[in-house]
Amino acid sequence: MAVWAVLLALFIVGYLRLGLQMWTGIRGPLVTAGLIVLALSFNLARARSRTTRPRHYNLLEGIAVLGAVVGAGVVSSVLGAPGGAQVSWGLAVAVASVLVAPLLVCAAWLGVRAR
């Protein structure tokens, strides 16, 4: 789960730094294929997980991911990144860290519960 949070943070940083240019040229198919591979590997890793998850954990996990993705969209529209405007590295990393924090808390909670 923590690896997924870091990958989502890297995606948010890339999106805020490149804007829509991330999807043009050869980058578009590469990013799309990478997202498909990550989604498939997430499902496989989750099926092999032996950690007992509480009944409502999947809902909390989904809300954390949805909040990060929607938050990235809102922040990028406020900062002007969808049109291709570049955001500074520091701001992009700070925004990604804040948006992914709930997912990292979910990962830490699973790690504590697994022991």
PDB file of N, CA and C in Angstrom:
ATOM      1  N   MET A   1       0.818  -1.188   0.000  1.00  0.00           N
ATOM      2  CA  MET A   1       0.000   0.000   0.000  1.00  0.00           C
ATOM      3  C   MET A   1       0.868   1.259   0.000  1.00  0.00           C
ATOM      4  N   ALA A   2       1.958   1.222   0.739  1.00  0.00           N
ATOM      5  CA  ALA A   2       2.847   2.386   0.782  1.00  0.00           C
ATOM      6  C   ALA A   2       3.502   2.626  -0.578  1.00  0.00           C
ATOM      7  N   VAL A   3       3.823   1.549  -1.280  1.00  0.00           N
ATOM      8  CA  VAL A   3       4.408   1.688  -2.620  1.00  0.00           C
ATOM      9  C   VAL A   3       3.402   2.350  -3.544  1.00  0.00           C
ATOM     10  N   TRP A   4       2.147   1.979  -3.430  1.00  0.00           N
ATOM     11  CA  TRP A   4       1.105   2.600  -4.244  1.00  0.00           C
ATOM     12  C   TRP A   4       0.968   4.076  -3.934  1.00  0.00           C
ATOM     13  N   ALA A   5       1.078   4.426  -2.661  1.00  0.00           N
ATOM     14  CA  ALA A   5       0.987   5.833  -2.278  1.00  0.00           C
ATOM     15  C   ALA A   5       2.142   6.627  -2.882  1.00  0.00           C
ATOM     16  N   VAL A   6       3.345   6.063  -2.862  1.00  0.00           N
ATOM     17  CA  VAL A   6       4.501   6.744  -3.441  1.00  0.00           C
ATOM     18  C   VAL A   6       4.344   6.872  -4.957  1.00  0.00           C
ATOM     19  N   LEU A   7       3.864   5.821  -5.616  1.00  0.00           N
ATOM     20  CA  LEU A   7       3.662   5.893  -7.067  1.00  0.00           C
ATOM     21  C   LEU A   7       2.593   6.924  -7.427  1.00  0.00           C
ATOM     22  N   LEU A   8       1.537   6.992  -6.625  1.00  0.00           N
ATOM     23  CA  LEU A   8       0.509   8.005  -6.870  1.00  0.00           C
ATOM     24  C   LEU A   8       1.084   9.401  -6.669  1.00  0.00           C
ATOM     25  N   ALA A   9       1.938   9.573  -5.677  1.00  0.00           N
ATOM     26  CA  ALA A   9       2.574  10.872  -5.454  1.00  0.00           C
ATOM     27  C   ALA A   9       3.473  11.245  -6.629  1.00  0.00           C
ATOM     28  N   LEU A  10       4.218  10.284  -7.154  1.00  0.00           N
ATOM     29  CA  LEU A  10       5.060  10.555  -8.323  1.00  0.00           C
ATOM     30  C   LEU A  10       4.220  10.930  -9.541  1.00  0.00           C
ATOM     31  N   PHE A  11       3.082  10.270  -9.716  1.00  0.00           N
ATOM     32  CA  PHE A  11       2.190  10.608 -10.819  1.00  0.00           C
ATOM     33  C   PHE A  11       1.658  12.034 -10.665  1.00  0.00           C
ATOM     34  N   ILE A  12       1.290  12.409  -9.439  1.00  0.00           N
ATOM     35  CA  ILE A  12       0.766  13.757  -9.199  1.00  0.00           C
ATOM     36  C   ILE A  12       1.856  14.789  -9.466  1.00  0.00           C
ATOM     37  N   VAL A  13       3.079  14.517  -9.017  1.00  0.00           N
ATOM     38  CA  VAL A  13       4.186  15.447  -9.279  1.00  0.00           C
ATOM     39  C   VAL A  13       4.420  15.583 -10.782  1.00  0.00           C
ATOM     40  N   GLY A  14       4.412  14.460 -11.492  1.00  0.00           N
ATOM     41  CA  GLY A  14       4.588  14.513 -12.944  1.00  0.00           C
ATOM     42  C   GLY A  14       3.479  15.281 -13.634  1.00  0.00           C
ATOM     43  N   TYR A  15       2.260  15.092 -13.174  1.00  0.00           N
ATOM     44  CA  TYR A  15       1.140  15.804 -13.778  1.00  0.00           C
ATOM     45  C   TYR A  15       1.219  17.305 -13.506  1.00  0.00           C
ATOM     46  N   LEU A  16       1.591  17.671 -12.285  1.00  0.00           N
ATOM     47  CA  LEU A  16       1.689  19.089 -11.974  1.00  0.00           C
ATOM     48  C   LEU A  16       2.877  19.747 -12.681  1.00  0.00           C
ATOM     49  N   ARG A  17       3.950  18.999 -12.894  1.00  0.00           N
ATOM     50  CA  ARG A  17       5.123  19.561 -13.576  1.00  0.00           C
ATOM     51  C   ARG A  17       4.914  19.677 -15.081  1.00  0.00           C
ATOM     52  N   LEU A  18       4.242  18.688 -15.698  1.00  0.00           N
ATOM     53  CA  LEU A  18       4.131  18.654 -17.155  1.00  0.00           C
ATOM     54  C   LEU A  18       2.765  19.071 -17.678  1.00  0.00           C
ATOM     55  N   GLY A  19       1.736  18.971 -16.869  1.00  0.00           N
ATOM     56  CA  GLY A  19       0.394  19.307 -17.334  1.00  0.00           C
ATOM     57  C   GLY A  19      -0.070  18.321 -18.392  1.00  0.00           C
ATOM     58  N   LEU A  20      -0.716  18.808 -19.405  1.00  0.00           N
ATOM     59  CA  LEU A  20      -1.211  17.945 -20.476  1.00  0.00           C
ATOM     60  C   LEU A  20      -0.107  17.437 -21.387  1.00  0.00           C
ATOM     61  N   GLN A  21       1.073  18.009 -21.285  1.00  0.00           N
ATOM     62  CA  GLN A  21       2.189  17.538 -22.099  1.00  0.00           C
ATOM     63  C   GLN A  21       2.602  16.121 -21.697  1.00  0.00           C
ATOM     64  N   MET A  22       2.176  15.686 -20.505  1.00  0.00           N
ATOM     65  CA  MET A  22       2.487  14.338 -20.069  1.00  0.00           C
ATOM     66  C   MET A  22       1.793  13.308 -20.961  1.00  0.00           C
ATOM     67  N   TRP A  23       0.707  13.690 -21.610  1.00  0.00           N
ATOM     68  CA  TRP A  23      -0.071  12.749 -22.409  1.00  0.00           C
ATOM     69  C   TRP A  23       0.241  12.836 -23.894  1.00  0.00           C
ATOM     70  N   THR A  24       1.086  13.777 -24.315  1.00  0.00           N
ATOM     71  CA  THR A  24       1.369  13.945 -25.741  1.00  0.00           C
ATOM     72  C   THR A  24       2.606  13.155 -26.149  1.00  0.00           C
ATOM     73  N   GLY A  25       2.698  12.871 -27.424  1.00  0.00           N
ATOM     74  CA  GLY A  25       3.856  12.151 -27.957  1.00  0.00           C
ATOM     75  C   GLY A  25       3.917  10.720 -27.456  1.00  0.00           C
ATOM     76  N   ILE A  26       5.105  10.260 -27.189  1.00  0.00           N
ATOM     77  CA  ILE A  26       5.304   8.881 -26.734  1.00  0.00           C
ATOM     78  C   ILE A  26       4.961   8.733 -25.254  1.00  0.00           C
ATOM     79  N   ARG A  27       4.956   9.842 -24.521  1.00  0.00           N
ATOM     80  CA  ARG A  27       4.651   9.773 -23.094  1.00  0.00           C
ATOM     81  C   ARG A  27       3.245   9.267 -22.824  1.00  0.00           C
ATOM     82  N   GLY A  28       2.281   9.636 -23.652  1.00  0.00           N
ATOM     83  CA  GLY A  28       0.887   9.246 -23.437  1.00  0.00           C
ATOM     84  C   GLY A  28       0.685   7.747 -23.380  1.00  0.00           C
ATOM     85  N   PRO A  29       1.084   7.014 -24.427  1.00  0.00           N
ATOM     86  CA  PRO A  29       0.931   5.559 -24.365  1.00  0.00           C
ATOM     87  C   PRO A  29       1.749   4.916 -23.246  1.00  0.00           C
ATOM     88  N   LEU A  30       2.928   5.461 -22.951  1.00  0.00           N
ATOM     89  CA  LEU A  30       3.747   4.903 -21.874  1.00  0.00           C
ATOM     90  C   LEU A  30       3.083   5.089 -20.511  1.00  0.00           C
ATOM     91  N   VAL A  31       2.540   6.271 -20.268  1.00  0.00           N
ATOM     92  CA  VAL A  31       1.862   6.520 -18.992  1.00  0.00           C
ATOM     93  C   VAL A  31       0.610   5.662 -18.885  1.00  0.00           C
ATOM     94  N   THR A  32      -0.149   5.552 -19.969  1.00  0.00           N
ATOM     95  CA  THR A  32      -1.354   4.728 -19.951  1.00  0.00           C
ATOM     96  C   THR A  32      -1.018   3.254 -19.723  1.00  0.00           C
ATOM     97  N   ALA A  33      -0.019   2.745 -20.407  1.00  0.00           N
ATOM     98  CA  ALA A  33       0.394   1.347 -20.201  1.00  0.00           C
ATOM     99  C   ALA A  33       0.910   1.143 -18.792  1.00  0.00           C
ATOM    100  N   GLY A  34       1.652   2.096 -18.266  1.00  0.00           N
ATOM    101  CA  GLY A  34       2.133   1.997 -16.889  1.00  0.00           C
ATOM    102  C   GLY A  34       1.003   1.962 -15.887  1.00  0.00           C
ATOM    103  N   LEU A  35      -0.026   2.773 -16.104  1.00  0.00           N
ATOM    104  CA  LEU A  35      -1.180   2.766 -15.205  1.00  0.00           C
ATOM    105  C   LEU A  35      -1.938   1.446 -15.271  1.00  0.00           C
ATOM    106  N   ILE A  36      -2.047   0.874 -16.454  1.00  0.00           N
ATOM    107  CA  ILE A  36      -2.723  -0.423 -16.596  1.00  0.00           C
ATOM    108  C   ILE A  36      -1.935  -1.513 -15.885  1.00  0.00           C
ATOM    109  N   VAL A  37      -0.613  -1.523 -16.072  1.00  0.00           N
ATOM    110  CA  VAL A  37       0.224  -2.526 -15.407  1.00  0.00           C
ATOM    111  C   VAL A  37       0.160  -2.361 -13.886  1.00  0.00           C
ATOM    112  N   LEU A  38       0.178  -1.123 -13.408  1.00  0.00           N
ATOM    113  CA  LEU A  38       0.084  -0.894 -11.975  1.00  0.00           C
ATOM    114  C   LEU A  38      -1.261  -1.342 -11.407  1.00  0.00           C
ATOM    115  N   ALA A  39      -2.327  -1.090 -12.135  1.00  0.00           N
ATOM    116  CA  ALA A  39      -3.645  -1.526 -11.663  1.00  0.00           C
ATOM    117  C   ALA A  39      -3.734  -3.043 -11.596  1.00  0.00           C
ATOM    118  N   LEU A  40      -3.209  -3.712 -12.600  1.00  0.00           N
ATOM    119  CA  LEU A  40      -3.232  -5.178 -12.589  1.00  0.00           C
ATOM    120  C   LEU A  40      -2.357  -5.736 -11.473  1.00  0.00           C
ATOM    121  N   SER A  41      -1.173  -5.153 -11.285  1.00  0.00           N
ATOM    122  CA  SER A  41      -0.296  -5.646 -10.227  1.00  0.00           C
ATOM    123  C   SER A  41      -0.886  -5.363  -8.847  1.00  0.00           C
ATOM    124  N   PHE A  42      -1.605  -4.264  -8.708  1.00  0.00           N
ATOM    125  CA  PHE A  42      -2.268  -3.964  -7.434  1.00  0.00           C
ATOM    126  C   PHE A  42      -3.303  -5.028  -7.108  1.00  0.00           C
ATOM    127  N   ASN A  43      -4.093  -5.423  -8.099  1.00  0.00           N
ATOM    128  CA  ASN A  43      -5.100  -6.447  -7.868  1.00  0.00           C
ATOM    129  C   ASN A  43      -4.468  -7.785  -7.522  1.00  0.00           C
ATOM    130  N   LEU A  44      -3.372  -8.146  -8.185  1.00  0.00           N
ATOM    131  CA  LEU A  44      -2.688  -9.407  -7.885  1.00  0.00           C
ATOM    132  C   LEU A  44      -2.056  -9.378  -6.498  1.00  0.00           C
ATOM    133  N   ALA A  45      -1.414  -8.268  -6.158  1.00  0.00           N
ATOM    134  CA  ALA A  45      -0.777  -8.177  -4.841  1.00  0.00           C
ATOM    135  C   ALA A  45      -1.812  -8.178  -3.732  1.00  0.00           C
ATOM    136  N   ARG A  46      -2.930  -7.566  -3.990  1.00  0.00           N
ATOM    137  CA  ARG A  46      -3.974  -7.509  -2.975  1.00  0.00           C
ATOM    138  C   ARG A  46      -4.615  -8.872  -2.769  1.00  0.00           C
ATOM    139  N   ALA A  47      -4.718  -9.660  -3.816  1.00  0.00           N
ATOM    140  CA  ALA A  47      -5.291 -10.997  -3.691  1.00  0.00           C
ATOM    141  C   ALA A  47      -4.373 -11.916  -2.890  1.00  0.00           C
ATOM    142  N   ARG A  48      -3.072 -11.651  -2.929  1.00  0.00           N
ATOM    143  CA  ARG A  48      -2.109 -12.482  -2.199  1.00  0.00           C
ATOM    144  C   ARG A  48      -1.832 -11.965  -0.795  1.00  0.00           C
ATOM    145  N   SER A  49      -2.406 -10.856  -0.429  1.00  0.00           N
ATOM    146  CA  SER A  49      -2.168 -10.266   0.882  1.00  0.00           C
ATOM    147  C   SER A  49      -2.819 -11.122   1.974  1.00  0.00           C
ATOM    148  N   ARG A  50      -2.083 -11.323   3.051  1.00  0.00           N
ATOM    149  CA  ARG A  50      -2.598 -12.128   4.158  1.00  0.00           C
ATOM    150  C   ARG A  50      -3.067 -11.273   5.315  1.00  0.00           C
ATOM    151  N   THR A  51      -2.986  -9.990   5.176  1.00  0.00           N
ATOM    152  CA  THR A  51      -3.418  -9.101   6.241  1.00  0.00           C
ATOM    153  C   THR A  51      -4.932  -9.115   6.329  1.00  0.00           C
ATOM    154  N   THR A  52      -5.432  -9.273   7.525  1.00  0.00           N
ATOM    155  CA  THR A  52      -6.872  -9.237   7.729  1.00  0.00           C
ATOM    156  C   THR A  52      -7.331  -7.791   7.707  1.00  0.00           C
ATOM    157  N   ARG A  53      -8.184  -7.504   6.775  1.00  0.00           N
ATOM    158  CA  ARG A  53      -8.687  -6.138   6.649  1.00  0.00           C
ATOM    159  C   ARG A  53     -10.052  -6.047   7.315  1.00  0.00           C
ATOM    160  N   PRO A  54     -10.283  -4.977   8.053  1.00  0.00           N
ATOM    161  CA  PRO A  54     -11.608  -4.802   8.664  1.00  0.00           C
ATOM    162  C   PRO A  54     -12.679  -4.599   7.598  1.00  0.00           C
ATOM    163  N   ARG A  55     -13.888  -4.665   8.007  1.00  0.00           N
ATOM    164  CA  ARG A  55     -15.015  -4.603   7.080  1.00  0.00           C
ATOM    165  C   ARG A  55     -15.031  -3.317   6.268  1.00  0.00           C
ATOM    166  N   HIS A  56     -14.768  -2.188   6.883  1.00  0.00           N
ATOM    167  CA  HIS A  56     -14.904  -0.903   6.193  1.00  0.00           C
ATOM    168  C   HIS A  56     -13.569  -0.359   5.687  1.00  0.00           C
ATOM    169  N   TYR A  57     -12.511  -1.154   5.730  1.00  0.00           N
ATOM    170  CA  TYR A  57     -11.204  -0.667   5.302  1.00  0.00           C
ATOM    171  C   TYR A  57     -11.178  -0.357   3.811  1.00  0.00           C
ATOM    172  N   ASN A  58     -11.800  -1.182   2.997  1.00  0.00           N
ATOM    173  CA  ASN A  58     -11.808  -0.943   1.541  1.00  0.00           C
ATOM    174  C   ASN A  58     -12.460   0.392   1.212  1.00  0.00           C
ATOM    175  N   LEU A  59     -13.497   0.751   1.950  1.00  0.00           N
ATOM    176  CA  LEU A  59     -14.154   2.036   1.741  1.00  0.00           C
ATOM    177  C   LEU A  59     -13.216   3.182   2.102  1.00  0.00           C
ATOM    178  N   LEU A  60     -12.528   3.069   3.229  1.00  0.00           N
ATOM    179  CA  LEU A  60     -11.588   4.118   3.630  1.00  0.00           C
ATOM    180  C   LEU A  60     -10.439   4.252   2.639  1.00  0.00           C
ATOM    181  N   GLU A  61      -9.948   3.117   2.181  1.00  0.00           N
ATOM    182  CA  GLU A  61      -8.874   3.112   1.197  1.00  0.00           C
ATOM    183  C   GLU A  61      -9.336   3.765  -0.113  1.00  0.00           C
ATOM    184  N   GLY A  62     -10.525   3.436  -0.552  1.00  0.00           N
ATOM    185  CA  GLY A  62     -11.077   4.034  -1.770  1.00  0.00           C
ATOM    186  C   GLY A  62     -11.282   5.524  -1.643  1.00  0.00           C
ATOM    187  N   ILE A  63     -11.751   5.965  -0.479  1.00  0.00           N
ATOM    188  CA  ILE A  63     -11.949   7.397  -0.244  1.00  0.00           C
ATOM    189  C   ILE A  63     -10.612   8.129  -0.247  1.00  0.00           C
ATOM    190  N   ALA A  64      -9.566   7.502   0.328  1.00  0.00           N
ATOM    191  CA  ALA A  64      -8.240   8.130   0.343  1.00  0.00           C
ATOM    192  C   ALA A  64      -7.700   8.294  -1.072  1.00  0.00           C
ATOM    193  N   VAL A  65      -7.853   7.267  -1.904  1.00  0.00           N
ATOM    194  CA  VAL A  65      -7.372   7.353  -3.284  1.00  0.00           C
ATOM    195  C   VAL A  65      -8.195   8.358  -4.077  1.00  0.00           C
ATOM    196  N   LEU A  66      -9.508   8.318  -3.929  1.00  0.00           N
ATOM    197  CA  LEU A  66     -10.373   9.257  -4.639  1.00  0.00           C
ATOM    198  C   LEU A  66     -10.080  10.690  -4.222  1.00  0.00           C
ATOM    199  N   GLY A  67      -9.850  10.904  -2.943  1.00  0.00           N
ATOM    200  CA  GLY A  67      -9.511  12.243  -2.458  1.00  0.00           C
ATOM    201  C   GLY A  67      -8.208  12.750  -3.048  1.00  0.00           C
ATOM    202  N   ALA A  68      -7.230  11.856  -3.176  1.00  0.00           N
ATOM    203  CA  ALA A  68      -5.943  12.268  -3.756  1.00  0.00           C
ATOM    204  C   ALA A  68      -6.096  12.624  -5.224  1.00  0.00           C
ATOM    205  N   VAL A  69      -6.851  11.824  -5.969  1.00  0.00           N
ATOM    206  CA  VAL A  69      -7.016  12.076  -7.400  1.00  0.00           C
ATOM    207  C   VAL A  69      -7.847  13.329  -7.646  1.00  0.00           C
ATOM    208  N   VAL A  70      -8.952  13.468  -6.933  1.00  0.00           N
ATOM    209  CA  VAL A  70      -9.786  14.663  -7.105  1.00  0.00           C
ATOM    210  C   VAL A  70      -9.033  15.906  -6.621  1.00  0.00           C
ATOM    211  N   GLY A  71      -8.301  15.771  -5.521  1.00  0.00           N
ATOM    212  CA  GLY A  71      -7.504  16.891  -5.023  1.00  0.00           C
ATOM    213  C   GLY A  71      -6.444  17.324  -6.024  1.00  0.00           C
ATOM    214  N   ALA A  72      -5.819  16.337  -6.694  1.00  0.00           N
ATOM    215  CA  ALA A  72      -4.828  16.679  -7.716  1.00  0.00           C
ATOM    216  C   ALA A  72      -5.475  17.431  -8.870  1.00  0.00           C
ATOM    217  N   GLY A  73      -6.676  17.024  -9.260  1.00  0.00           N
ATOM    218  CA  GLY A  73      -7.387  17.730 -10.326  1.00  0.00           C
ATOM    219  C   GLY A  73      -7.741  19.153  -9.936  1.00  0.00           C
ATOM    220  N   VAL A  74      -8.200  19.328  -8.705  1.00  0.00           N
ATOM    221  CA  VAL A  74      -8.560  20.666  -8.237  1.00  0.00           C
ATOM    222  C   VAL A  74      -7.319  21.551  -8.134  1.00  0.00           C
ATOM    223  N   VAL A  75      -6.259  21.014  -7.549  1.00  0.00           N
ATOM    224  CA  VAL A  75      -5.030  21.802  -7.408  1.00  0.00           C
ATOM    225  C   VAL A  75      -4.457  22.158  -8.770  1.00  0.00           C
ATOM    226  N   SER A  76      -4.477  21.215  -9.710  1.00  0.00           N
ATOM    227  CA  SER A  76      -3.925  21.519 -11.030  1.00  0.00           C
ATOM    228  C   SER A  76      -4.751  22.571 -11.760  1.00  0.00           C
ATOM    229  N   SER A  77      -6.064  22.568 -11.559  1.00  0.00           N
ATOM    230  CA  SER A  77      -6.869  23.599 -12.210  1.00  0.00           C
ATOM    231  C   SER A  77      -6.668  24.959 -11.554  1.00  0.00           C
ATOM    232  N   VAL A  78      -6.430  24.980 -10.256  1.00  0.00           N
ATOM    233  CA  VAL A  78      -6.176  26.253  -9.576  1.00  0.00           C
ATOM    234  C   VAL A  78      -4.807  26.816  -9.963  1.00  0.00           C
ATOM    235  N   LEU A  79      -3.816  25.922 -10.068  1.00  0.00           N
ATOM    236  CA  LEU A  79      -2.462  26.373 -10.407  1.00  0.00           C
ATOM    237  C   LEU A  79      -2.238  26.547 -11.902  1.00  0.00           C
ATOM    238  N   GLY A  80      -3.156  26.087 -12.725  1.00  0.00           N
ATOM    239  CA  GLY A  80      -3.029  26.260 -14.163  1.00  0.00           C
ATOM    240  C   GLY A  80      -2.260  25.162 -14.863  1.00  0.00           C
ATOM    241  N   ALA A  81      -2.028  24.031 -14.209  1.00  0.00           N
ATOM    242  CA  ALA A  81      -1.243  22.948 -14.810  1.00  0.00           C
ATOM    243  C   ALA A  81      -1.942  22.228 -15.964  1.00  0.00           C
ATOM    244  N   PRO A  82      -3.280  22.117 -16.019  1.00  0.00           N
ATOM    245  CA  PRO A  82      -3.873  21.379 -17.145  1.00  0.00           C
ATOM    246  C   PRO A  82      -3.535  21.965 -18.505  1.00  0.00           C
ATOM    247  N   GLY A  83      -3.321  23.253 -18.588  1.00  0.00           N
ATOM    248  CA  GLY A  83      -2.977  23.861 -19.854  1.00  0.00           C
ATOM    249  C   GLY A  83      -1.521  23.720 -20.219  1.00  0.00           C
ATOM    250  N   GLY A  84      -0.735  23.110 -19.366  1.00  0.00           N
ATOM    251  CA  GLY A  84       0.669  22.909 -19.670  1.00  0.00           C
ATOM    252  C   GLY A  84       1.590  23.809 -18.870  1.00  0.00           C
ATOM    253  N   ALA A  85       1.037  24.645 -17.967  1.00  0.00           N
ATOM    254  CA  ALA A  85       1.881  25.499 -17.139  1.00  0.00           C
ATOM    255  C   ALA A  85       2.657  24.638 -16.157  1.00  0.00           C
ATOM    256  N   GLN A  86       3.934  24.942 -16.007  1.00  0.00           N
ATOM    257  CA  GLN A  86       4.756  24.156 -15.097  1.00  0.00           C
ATOM    258  C   GLN A  86       4.693  24.725 -13.688  1.00  0.00           C
ATOM    259  N   VAL A  87       4.535  23.818 -12.746  1.00  0.00           N
ATOM    260  CA  VAL A  87       4.538  24.171 -11.333  1.00  0.00           C
ATOM    261  C   VAL A  87       5.937  23.861 -10.813  1.00  0.00           C
ATOM    262  N   SER A  88       6.410  24.624  -9.838  1.00  0.00           N
ATOM    263  CA  SER A  88       7.759  24.391  -9.315  1.00  0.00           C
ATOM    264  C   SER A  88       7.837  23.010  -8.646  1.00  0.00           C
ATOM    265  N   TRP A  89       9.059  22.464  -8.583  1.00  0.00           N
ATOM    266  CA  TRP A  89       9.259  21.131  -7.993  1.00  0.00           C
ATOM    267  C   TRP A  89       8.824  21.100  -6.539  1.00  0.00           C
ATOM    268  N   GLY A  90       9.185  22.116  -5.783  1.00  0.00           N
ATOM    269  CA  GLY A  90       8.850  22.147  -4.356  1.00  0.00           C
ATOM    270  C   GLY A  90       7.357  22.149  -4.120  1.00  0.00           C
ATOM    271  N   LEU A  91       6.648  22.963  -4.875  1.00  0.00           N
ATOM    272  CA  LEU A  91       5.197  23.027  -4.727  1.00  0.00           C
ATOM    273  C   LEU A  91       4.542  21.726  -5.160  1.00  0.00           C
ATOM    274  N   ALA A  92       5.031  21.129  -6.244  1.00  0.00           N
ATOM    275  CA  ALA A  92       4.463  19.865  -6.720  1.00  0.00           C
ATOM    276  C   ALA A  92       4.668  18.751  -5.697  1.00  0.00           C
ATOM    277  N   VAL A  93       5.851  18.681  -5.104  1.00  0.00           N
ATOM    278  CA  VAL A  93       6.129  17.655  -4.099  1.00  0.00           C
ATOM    279  C   VAL A  93       5.309  17.900  -2.834  1.00  0.00           C
ATOM    280  N   ALA A  94       5.169  19.154  -2.434  1.00  0.00           N
ATOM    281  CA  ALA A  94       4.375  19.464  -1.240  1.00  0.00           C
ATOM    282  C   ALA A  94       2.910  19.096  -1.445  1.00  0.00           C
ATOM    283  N   VAL A  95       2.363  19.434  -2.594  1.00  0.00           N
ATOM    284  CA  VAL A  95       0.962  19.109  -2.879  1.00  0.00           C
ATOM    285  C   VAL A  95       0.760  17.600  -2.928  1.00  0.00           C
ATOM    286  N   ALA A  96       1.660  16.894  -3.587  1.00  0.00           N
ATOM    287  CA  ALA A  96       1.550  15.437  -3.666  1.00  0.00           C
ATOM    288  C   ALA A  96       1.659  14.801  -2.290  1.00  0.00           C
ATOM    289  N   SER A  97       2.532  15.321  -1.438  1.00  0.00           N
ATOM    290  CA  SER A  97       2.680  14.777  -0.092  1.00  0.00           C
ATOM    291  C   SER A  97       1.404  14.943   0.730  1.00  0.00           C
ATOM    292  N   VAL A  98       0.800  16.097   0.620  1.00  0.00           N
ATOM    293  CA  VAL A  98      -0.438  16.341   1.371  1.00  0.00           C
ATOM    294  C   VAL A  98      -1.575  15.471   0.841  1.00  0.00           C
ATOM    295  N   LEU A  99      -1.664  15.334  -0.477  1.00  0.00           N
ATOM    296  CA  LEU A  99      -2.758  14.566  -1.058  1.00  0.00           C
ATOM    297  C   LEU A  99      -2.639  13.069  -0.802  1.00  0.00           C
ATOM    298  N   VAL A 100      -1.435  12.562  -0.687  1.00  0.00           N
ATOM    299  CA  VAL A 100      -1.225  11.128  -0.513  1.00  0.00           C
ATOM    300  C   VAL A 100      -1.130  10.739   0.968  1.00  0.00           C
ATOM    301  N   ALA A 101      -1.080  11.709   1.862  1.00  0.00           N
ATOM    302  CA  ALA A 101      -0.947  11.422   3.291  1.00  0.00           C
ATOM    303  C   ALA A 101      -2.021  10.468   3.832  1.00  0.00           C
ATOM    304  N   PRO A 102      -3.319  10.614   3.490  1.00  0.00           N
ATOM    305  CA  PRO A 102      -4.305   9.659   4.009  1.00  0.00           C
ATOM    306  C   PRO A 102      -4.044   8.219   3.552  1.00  0.00           C
ATOM    307  N   LEU A 103      -3.557   8.043   2.349  1.00  0.00           N
ATOM    308  CA  LEU A 103      -3.247   6.697   1.866  1.00  0.00           C
ATOM    309  C   LEU A 103      -2.032   6.121   2.600  1.00  0.00           C
ATOM    310  N   LEU A 104      -1.066   6.961   2.930  1.00  0.00           N
ATOM    311  CA  LEU A 104       0.077   6.505   3.717  1.00  0.00           C
ATOM    312  C   LEU A 104      -0.348   6.134   5.139  1.00  0.00           C
ATOM    313  N   VAL A 105      -1.313   6.848   5.682  1.00  0.00           N
ATOM    314  CA  VAL A 105      -1.834   6.494   7.007  1.00  0.00           C
ATOM    315  C   VAL A 105      -2.527   5.132   6.952  1.00  0.00           C
ATOM    316  N   CYS A 106      -3.266   4.871   5.884  1.00  0.00           N
ATOM    317  CA  CYS A 106      -3.894   3.547   5.712  1.00  0.00           C
ATOM    318  C   CYS A 106      -2.834   2.454   5.626  1.00  0.00           C
ATOM    319  N   ALA A 107      -1.746   2.724   4.917  1.00  0.00           N
ATOM    320  CA  ALA A 107      -0.672   1.731   4.796  1.00  0.00           C
ATOM    321  C   ALA A 107       0.003   1.493   6.142  1.00  0.00           C
ATOM    322  N   ALA A 108       0.245   2.559   6.889  1.00  0.00           N
ATOM    323  CA  ALA A 108       0.860   2.407   8.207  1.00  0.00           C
ATOM    324  C   ALA A 108      -0.062   1.624   9.145  1.00  0.00           C
ATOM    325  N   TRP A 109      -1.346   1.899   9.066  1.00  0.00           N
ATOM    326  CA  TRP A 109      -2.300   1.199   9.920  1.00  0.00           C
ATOM    327  C   TRP A 109      -2.319  -0.303   9.602  1.00  0.00           C
ATOM    328  N   LEU A 110      -2.259  -0.642   8.315  1.00  0.00           N
ATOM    329  CA  LEU A 110      -2.185  -2.057   7.934  1.00  0.00           C
ATOM    330  C   LEU A 110      -0.896  -2.693   8.425  1.00  0.00           C
ATOM    331  N   GLY A 111       0.196  -1.961   8.347  1.00  0.00           N
ATOM    332  CA  GLY A 111       1.471  -2.490   8.830  1.00  0.00           C
ATOM    333  C   GLY A 111       1.463  -2.751  10.313  1.00  0.00           C
ATOM    334  N   VAL A 112       0.875  -1.861  11.081  1.00  0.00           N
ATOM    335  CA  VAL A 112       0.777  -2.047  12.527  1.00  0.00           C
ATOM    336  C   VAL A 112      -0.147  -3.201  12.854  1.00  0.00           C
ATOM    337  N   ARG A 113      -1.227  -3.299  12.132  1.00  0.00           N
ATOM    338  CA  ARG A 113      -2.212  -4.370  12.395  1.00  0.00           C
ATOM    339  C   ARG A 113      -1.661  -5.752  12.026  1.00  0.00           C
ATOM    340  N   ALA A 114      -0.759  -5.798  11.045  1.00  0.00           N
ATOM    341  CA  ALA A 114      -0.245  -7.088  10.583  1.00  0.00           C
ATOM    342  C   ALA A 114       0.718  -7.708  11.602  1.00  0.00           C
ATOM    343  N   ARG A 115       1.270  -6.932  12.492  1.00  0.00           N
ATOM    344  CA  ARG A 115       2.251  -7.469  13.450  1.00  0.00           C
ATOM    345  C   ARG A 115       1.614  -8.015  14.668  1.00  0.00           C
TER     346      ARG A 115
END
